[in-house]
Protein backbone atom coordinates (compact mmCIF):
# COMPACT_ATOMS: atom_id res chain seq x y z
CA MET A 1 93.72 112.56 78.22
CA THR A 2 97.42 112.28 77.54
CA VAL A 3 100.72 114.00 78.12
CA VAL A 4 103.43 113.76 75.46
CA VAL A 5 107.01 113.75 76.73
CA ASN A 6 109.96 113.28 74.38
CA GLY A 7 107.67 111.64 71.82
CA LYS A 8 106.19 109.19 74.35
CA THR A 9 102.50 109.40 75.20
CA VAL A 10 101.62 109.12 78.89
CA GLU A 11 97.96 108.44 79.62
CA THR A 12 96.13 110.48 82.24
CA ASP A 13 92.57 110.38 83.53
CA LYS A 14 90.00 113.13 82.97
CA ASN A 15 91.44 115.13 85.90
CA GLY A 16 95.04 114.94 84.67
CA TYR A 17 96.27 112.22 87.04
CA MET A 18 98.53 109.58 85.51
CA VAL A 19 96.96 106.20 84.88
CA ASN A 20 100.19 104.19 85.26
CA LEU A 21 102.54 105.09 88.13
CA ASP A 22 105.45 103.44 86.28
CA ASP A 23 105.22 105.97 83.42
CA TRP A 24 106.43 108.74 85.75
CA ASN A 25 109.88 110.28 85.57
CA GLU A 26 111.22 113.80 86.15
CA GLU A 27 110.66 114.79 82.52
CA VAL A 28 106.99 113.81 82.80
CA ALA A 29 106.76 115.76 86.06
CA LYS A 30 108.24 118.85 84.40
CA VAL A 31 105.67 118.71 81.59
CA ILE A 32 102.76 118.25 84.01
CA ALA A 33 104.10 121.06 86.21
CA GLU A 34 104.36 123.34 83.19
CA GLN A 35 100.76 122.54 82.29
CA GLU A 36 99.85 123.44 85.88
CA GLY A 37 101.74 126.75 85.60
CA ILE A 38 104.45 125.73 88.05
CA ALA A 39 108.18 126.30 87.58
CA MET A 40 109.81 123.50 89.55
CA THR A 41 112.28 124.59 92.24
CA PRO A 42 114.26 122.40 94.65
CA GLU A 43 111.42 122.82 97.19
CA HIS A 44 108.88 121.60 94.64
CA TRP A 45 111.05 118.56 93.96
CA ASP A 46 111.46 117.89 97.69
CA MET A 47 107.71 117.78 98.07
CA VAL A 48 107.07 115.74 94.92
CA ASN A 49 109.71 113.22 95.99
CA PHE A 50 108.21 113.06 99.50
CA LEU A 51 104.74 112.39 98.07
CA ARG A 52 106.07 109.68 95.75
CA ASP A 53 108.06 108.06 98.55
CA GLU A 54 105.04 108.01 100.85
CA TYR A 55 102.86 106.46 98.17
CA VAL A 56 105.35 103.89 96.91
CA ASN A 57 106.96 102.91 100.22
CA ASN A 58 104.08 103.39 102.65
CA ALA A 59 101.21 101.28 101.30
CA GLY A 60 99.74 103.95 99.02
CA SER A 61 99.73 106.72 101.64
CA GLN A 62 98.76 110.12 100.29
CA PRO A 63 99.46 112.60 103.08
CA ASN A 64 97.17 115.53 103.71
CA THR A 65 98.48 119.08 103.95
CA ARG A 66 99.02 118.90 107.72
CA ASN A 67 101.30 115.86 107.34
CA ILE A 68 103.11 117.46 104.41
CA ILE A 69 103.78 120.55 106.56
CA LYS A 70 105.30 118.39 109.29
CA ALA A 71 107.50 116.52 106.84
CA MET A 72 108.67 119.67 105.06
CA GLN A 73 109.46 121.40 108.37
CA ASP A 74 111.88 118.55 109.01
CA LYS A 75 113.25 118.77 105.45
CA TRP A 76 113.61 122.57 105.45
CA PRO A 77 114.90 123.53 108.92
CA GLY A 78 114.87 127.24 109.60
CA LYS A 79 111.97 127.90 107.20
CA LYS A 80 108.51 128.71 108.41
CA VAL A 81 106.53 126.01 106.68
CA ASP A 82 102.81 126.47 107.01
CA ASN A 83 99.66 126.11 104.97
CA SER A 84 100.15 129.38 103.09
CA TYR A 85 103.76 128.52 102.24
CA LEU A 86 102.73 125.20 100.66
CA TYR A 87 99.91 126.92 98.78
CA LYS A 88 102.47 129.33 97.31
CA LEU A 89 104.30 126.30 95.92
CA PHE A 90 101.16 124.45 94.79
CA PRO A 91 98.27 126.97 94.60
CA ARG A 92 95.61 124.42 93.63
CA ASP A 93 96.11 122.32 96.79
CA PRO A 94 99.54 121.03 97.81
CA SER A 95 98.49 117.41 98.29
CA LYS A 96 96.39 117.14 95.13
CA GLN A 97 98.37 119.30 92.72
CA GLY A 98 101.64 117.98 94.13
CA GLY A 99 100.33 114.44 93.77
CA ARG A 100 99.35 115.06 90.16
CA ILE A 101 102.89 116.26 89.37
CA ALA A 102 104.29 113.30 91.34
CA GLY A 103 102.39 110.93 89.05
CA LEU A 104 100.14 109.58 91.79
CA PRO A 105 96.52 108.56 91.36
CA GLU A 106 93.87 111.05 92.43
CA SER A 107 93.40 111.07 96.18
CA ARG A 108 89.91 110.17 97.32
CA ARG A 109 90.31 111.44 100.88
CA LYS A 110 88.31 114.48 101.86
CA GLY A 111 89.78 117.69 103.17
CA GLY A 112 93.31 118.89 102.82
CA TYR A 113 94.23 119.94 106.32
């Protein structure tokens, strides 16, 4: 599978996850998000950037939903961040769908919470 962004072809696997992490940029993320039916807001970007940072700077860590909630509570003080809130942002699973948009490989861990 592929995603075409500004005339450049970005290869993805059969589940839509990018094959090469270095091909990711915000334009690629926007196209993938659009394919997923998501209009990116600042909160979406906060989460995508958190997931990328964790993966790139923390030995390939792909946080589960519980850890994402904790991180986003710190990022969004005053908001009630819980499981349902993250699922409103990423209805097909915050860690997996968010990771797909963040250009990360498919997570092999089980469970999301």
